[in-house]
Amino acid sequence: MSDPGQDDDEVLELPNDTLVALQDFYSERDSREKRFTKLKAEMEQKGSQAQLSMDMFSEDWNVSQFWYSDETATTLAEQLLEGSSASTNICLVSAPSVFVQLKNLLASGKYEVCNIRLLEYDKRFDVFDEFVYYNFEHPLELPSGMKGKYDTILCDPPFLSSDCQTKAALTTRWLSKLTSTDPTRPCPRLIVCTGERMEALVHKLHPGIRTTTFDPQHAQNRLGNDFRCYANFECANWLWRKSD
């Protein structure tokens, strides 16, 4: 029941610090929406030639979103594209920051355009034609045409839990092409990026994969867990760790 002495039209006043926090929140939200609208307009105008940035997409810690630094994302994208051709099929599982850099590399004209897909939970990324909705809790709920199609895969499980790692591994197995026309390249060519403490499980879930000397870095450095890059091949950017 309202106070008989209170005017029904009285405006509730918030503390100054709360007002400042709200103003900052709405300002950032509006700025993000403007950047996102600009991105959509550029993509409509320029198509694959639009220059992309993860600044358009804020991280959501509730779904374990921590974007890689541009340097890390570029290194991983370069290895996904190394040796690729128009017939190469590349799939990124829960790795949108690498996907964005991969798109930028393809737009540069340095690499031959190939077939790529991004499996991602965050539907903001459906602005890209390559987006496919993905929830690791349902690892095989994907378009049937993707099964056994991909000869190059990057998997970045969103959570450092055995459940998430195992289900993400089921996804990569389902996606993987098992035969290659090039005997010098593993099939699929697989990269897994996740926490150092997942090492033993990653080795168990992905036969042939090993810990590399390349340590992925995140843009905001907010993670307390050391990250590792695991792969079933060596390259110019990494070797296998001798301790492995």
Protein backbone atom coordinates (compact mmCIF):
# COMPACT_ATOMS: atom_id res chain seq x y z
CA MET A 1 0.00 0.00 0.00
CA SER A 2 1.36 3.44 -0.87
CA ASP A 3 2.12 6.07 1.76
CA PRO A 4 -0.98 8.34 2.13
CA GLY A 5 1.33 11.33 2.30
CA GLN A 6 3.21 10.44 -0.90
CA ASP A 7 2.29 12.05 -4.20
CA ASP A 8 1.54 9.35 -6.79
CA ASP A 9 3.31 11.47 -9.40
CA GLU A 10 6.49 11.81 -7.35
CA VAL A 11 9.54 10.71 -9.35
CA LEU A 12 11.79 8.13 -7.75
CA GLU A 13 15.29 9.55 -7.45
CA LEU A 14 18.30 7.26 -7.82
CA PRO A 15 21.69 7.78 -6.18
CA ASN A 16 24.15 9.72 -8.33
CA ASP A 17 26.54 6.79 -8.73
CA THR A 18 23.68 4.56 -9.90
CA LEU A 19 22.60 7.18 -12.41
CA VAL A 20 26.16 7.45 -13.75
CA ALA A 21 26.38 3.66 -14.09
CA LEU A 22 23.06 3.55 -15.94
CA GLN A 23 24.13 6.35 -18.26
CA ASP A 24 27.39 4.54 -19.03
CA PHE A 25 25.49 1.33 -19.71
CA TYR A 26 23.03 2.96 -22.11
CA SER A 27 25.80 4.95 -23.79
CA GLU A 28 27.85 1.82 -24.43
CA ARG A 29 24.76 -0.06 -25.62
CA ASP A 30 23.87 2.72 -28.06
CA SER A 31 27.44 2.94 -29.30
CA ARG A 32 27.56 -0.82 -29.83
CA GLU A 33 24.28 -0.78 -31.72
CA LYS A 34 25.57 2.02 -33.98
CA ARG A 35 28.76 0.08 -34.72
CA PHE A 36 26.76 -3.04 -35.45
CA THR A 37 24.39 -1.15 -37.75
CA LYS A 38 27.42 0.28 -39.55
CA LEU A 39 28.88 -3.22 -39.94
CA LYS A 40 25.66 -4.54 -41.47
CA ALA A 41 25.51 -1.59 -43.87
CA GLU A 42 29.13 -2.08 -44.92
CA MET A 43 28.58 -5.77 -45.51
CA GLU A 44 25.54 -5.06 -47.64
CA GLN A 45 27.50 -2.49 -49.65
CA LYS A 46 30.91 -4.13 -49.88
CA GLY A 47 30.08 -7.79 -49.29
CA SER A 48 33.17 -9.89 -48.63
CA GLN A 49 35.42 -6.81 -48.98
CA ALA A 50 34.17 -5.19 -45.75
CA GLN A 51 36.87 -4.75 -43.09
CA LEU A 52 35.70 -6.47 -39.92
CA SER A 53 36.53 -5.98 -36.25
CA MET A 54 35.55 -7.73 -33.03
CA ASP A 55 34.92 -4.27 -31.57
CA MET A 56 31.46 -4.67 -33.10
CA PHE A 57 30.72 -7.53 -30.69
CA SER A 58 31.02 -7.09 -26.92
CA GLU A 59 32.10 -10.09 -24.87
CA ASP A 60 29.46 -11.84 -22.76
CA TRP A 61 31.16 -13.52 -19.84
CA ASN A 62 27.96 -15.39 -18.93
CA VAL A 63 28.46 -17.57 -22.00
CA SER A 64 32.26 -17.60 -21.59
CA GLN A 65 33.07 -15.19 -24.41
CA PHE A 66 36.69 -14.04 -24.37
CA TRP A 67 37.94 -12.82 -27.73
CA TYR A 68 41.46 -13.57 -28.88
CA SER A 69 43.90 -10.75 -29.55
CA ASP A 70 44.16 -9.74 -33.20
CA GLU A 71 47.65 -11.26 -33.35
CA THR A 72 46.48 -14.65 -32.03
CA ALA A 73 43.35 -14.67 -34.18
CA THR A 74 45.41 -13.84 -37.27
CA THR A 75 47.96 -16.58 -36.56
CA LEU A 76 45.22 -19.18 -36.20
CA ALA A 77 43.37 -17.93 -39.28
CA GLU A 78 46.57 -18.07 -41.34
CA GLN A 79 47.06 -21.70 -40.41
CA LEU A 80 43.48 -22.53 -41.30
CA LEU A 81 44.10 -21.04 -44.75
CA GLU A 82 47.60 -22.43 -45.27
CA GLY A 83 47.58 -24.64 -48.36
CA SER A 84 43.87 -24.04 -48.94
CA SER A 85 42.18 -23.93 -52.33
CA ALA A 86 38.73 -23.19 -53.69
CA SER A 87 37.69 -26.74 -52.76
CA THR A 88 38.86 -26.50 -49.13
CA ASN A 89 36.14 -26.70 -46.49
CA ILE A 90 36.98 -24.95 -43.21
CA CYS A 91 34.83 -25.02 -40.07
CA LEU A 92 35.32 -22.95 -36.91
CA VAL A 93 33.58 -24.24 -33.80
CA SER A 94 32.91 -21.52 -31.19
CA ALA A 95 35.75 -19.30 -32.46
CA PRO A 96 34.18 -16.08 -33.79
CA SER A 97 37.24 -13.87 -33.29
CA VAL A 98 39.31 -16.20 -35.48
CA PHE A 99 36.47 -16.31 -38.00
CA VAL A 100 36.49 -12.51 -38.29
CA GLN A 101 40.23 -12.47 -38.96
CA LEU A 102 39.83 -15.28 -41.47
CA LYS A 103 37.24 -13.21 -43.31
CA ASN A 104 39.63 -10.25 -43.34
CA LEU A 105 42.44 -12.40 -44.75
CA LEU A 106 40.20 -13.71 -47.50
CA ALA A 107 39.08 -10.15 -48.31
CA SER A 108 42.74 -9.10 -48.67
CA GLY A 109 43.08 -11.24 -51.79
CA LYS A 110 46.16 -13.00 -50.42
CA TYR A 111 44.36 -16.34 -50.24
CA GLU A 112 42.08 -18.16 -52.61
CA VAL A 113 38.46 -17.94 -51.47
CA CYS A 114 37.32 -21.23 -49.95
CA ASN A 115 34.26 -22.60 -48.18
CA ILE A 116 33.99 -21.63 -44.51
CA ARG A 117 31.42 -22.07 -41.76
CA LEU A 118 31.16 -20.65 -38.24
CA LEU A 119 29.37 -22.77 -35.65
CA GLU A 120 28.37 -20.34 -32.89
CA TYR A 121 25.85 -19.99 -30.05
CA ASP A 122 25.71 -16.18 -30.20
CA LYS A 123 23.07 -15.25 -32.76
CA ARG A 124 24.55 -11.79 -33.26
CA PHE A 125 26.89 -13.50 -35.70
CA ASP A 126 24.03 -14.47 -37.98
CA VAL A 127 24.87 -11.21 -39.79
CA PHE A 128 27.35 -13.46 -41.61
CA ASP A 129 26.13 -15.87 -44.27
CA GLU A 130 28.56 -18.47 -42.94
CA PHE A 131 26.88 -18.56 -39.51
CA VAL A 132 25.33 -21.83 -38.29
CA TYR A 133 23.67 -21.87 -34.87
CA TYR A 134 25.46 -24.25 -32.49
CA ASN A 135 24.85 -25.30 -28.90
CA PHE A 136 27.49 -27.64 -27.51
CA GLU A 137 24.84 -29.23 -25.29
CA HIS A 138 23.43 -30.71 -28.51
CA PRO A 139 26.67 -31.47 -30.37
CA LEU A 140 25.14 -33.20 -33.40
CA GLU A 141 22.13 -30.94 -34.00
CA LEU A 142 23.56 -29.49 -37.19
CA PRO A 143 22.57 -29.49 -40.87
CA SER A 144 23.06 -33.01 -42.21
CA GLY A 145 25.04 -31.73 -45.19
CA MET A 146 27.89 -30.74 -42.86
CA LYS A 147 28.64 -34.30 -41.76
CA GLY A 148 32.06 -35.53 -42.87
CA LYS A 149 32.63 -32.46 -45.04
CA TYR A 150 35.46 -30.49 -43.40
CA ASP A 151 39.14 -31.11 -43.99
CA THR A 152 40.27 -28.17 -41.79
CA ILE A 153 38.73 -27.51 -38.36
CA LEU A 154 39.37 -25.15 -35.45
CA CYS A 155 37.57 -25.99 -32.21
CA ASP A 156 37.52 -23.64 -29.20
CA PRO A 157 35.22 -25.20 -26.57
CA PRO A 158 33.58 -22.38 -24.58
CA PHE A 159 33.96 -23.97 -21.14
CA LEU A 160 36.84 -25.69 -19.34
CA SER A 161 34.79 -28.71 -18.29
CA SER A 162 35.04 -32.36 -19.32
CA ASP A 163 31.40 -32.27 -20.43
CA CYS A 164 31.91 -29.32 -22.79
CA GLN A 165 35.22 -30.64 -24.11
CA THR A 166 33.74 -34.08 -24.79
CA LYS A 167 30.67 -32.74 -26.58
CA ALA A 168 32.75 -30.33 -28.67
CA ALA A 169 34.96 -33.29 -29.64
CA LEU A 170 31.86 -35.18 -30.79
CA THR A 171 31.05 -32.22 -33.02
CA THR A 172 34.53 -32.14 -34.58
CA ARG A 173 34.45 -35.88 -35.25
CA TRP A 174 31.05 -35.58 -36.91
CA LEU A 175 32.28 -32.70 -39.09
CA SER A 176 35.58 -34.31 -40.05
CA LYS A 177 36.43 -35.50 -43.53
CA LEU A 178 38.37 -38.73 -43.16
CA THR A 179 40.07 -39.02 -46.54
CA SER A 180 42.55 -36.65 -48.18
CA THR A 181 43.94 -36.27 -51.67
CA ASP A 182 47.19 -34.97 -50.15
CA PRO A 183 49.11 -37.67 -48.24
CA THR A 184 51.40 -35.03 -46.67
CA ARG A 185 48.54 -33.38 -44.77
CA PRO A 186 46.56 -34.88 -41.88
CA CYS A 187 42.85 -35.21 -42.51
CA PRO A 188 41.23 -33.40 -40.98
CA ARG A 189 43.78 -30.69 -40.25
CA LEU A 190 42.73 -30.00 -36.66
CA ILE A 191 43.42 -27.21 -34.17
CA VAL A 192 41.96 -27.14 -30.66
CA CYS A 193 42.43 -24.11 -28.41
CA THR A 194 41.54 -24.45 -24.75
CA GLY A 195 42.95 -24.35 -21.24
CA GLU A 196 46.26 -25.92 -20.25
CA ARG A 197 44.50 -27.98 -17.57
CA MET A 198 42.46 -29.71 -20.28
CA GLU A 199 45.62 -31.09 -21.91
CA ALA A 200 45.25 -34.77 -20.93
CA LEU A 201 41.59 -34.83 -21.90
CA VAL A 202 42.23 -33.09 -25.24
CA HIS A 203 44.88 -35.68 -26.11
CA LYS A 204 42.43 -38.46 -25.23
CA LEU A 205 39.49 -37.00 -27.15
CA HIS A 206 41.45 -36.13 -30.30
CA PRO A 207 43.80 -38.95 -31.35
CA GLY A 208 46.90 -37.65 -33.10
CA ILE A 209 46.72 -34.19 -31.58
CA ARG A 210 49.60 -32.78 -29.53
CA THR A 211 50.38 -29.69 -27.47
CA THR A 212 52.15 -26.99 -29.49
CA THR A 213 54.56 -24.21 -28.59
CA PHE A 214 52.02 -21.55 -29.55
CA ASP A 215 50.11 -20.05 -26.60
CA PRO A 216 46.93 -18.17 -27.59
CA GLN A 217 46.47 -14.72 -26.03
CA HIS A 218 43.19 -12.99 -25.29
CA ALA A 219 42.47 -9.34 -26.03
CA GLN A 220 41.44 -8.34 -22.51
CA ASN A 221 43.71 -10.67 -20.48
CA ARG A 222 40.83 -11.44 -18.13
CA LEU A 223 41.32 -15.19 -17.93
CA GLY A 224 43.13 -16.72 -14.99
CA ASN A 225 43.77 -19.96 -16.86
CA ASP A 226 46.75 -20.57 -19.13
CA PHE A 227 45.65 -21.36 -22.66
CA ARG A 228 47.25 -23.78 -25.08
CA CYS A 229 47.01 -24.52 -28.76
CA TYR A 230 46.77 -28.21 -29.64
CA ALA A 231 47.16 -29.45 -33.21
CA ASN A 232 47.83 -32.56 -35.27
CA PHE A 233 50.45 -30.78 -37.38
CA GLU A 234 53.51 -28.56 -37.02
CA CYS A 235 53.93 -25.36 -39.02
CA ALA A 236 55.78 -22.07 -39.30
CA ASN A 237 53.92 -20.71 -36.27
CA TRP A 238 54.43 -23.65 -33.91
CA LEU A 239 56.16 -26.92 -33.17
CA TRP A 240 55.06 -29.68 -30.84
CA ARG A 241 56.26 -29.21 -27.27
CA LYS A 242 59.11 -31.56 -26.44
CA SER A 243 57.54 -32.34 -23.05
CA ASP A 244 54.45 -33.74 -24.81
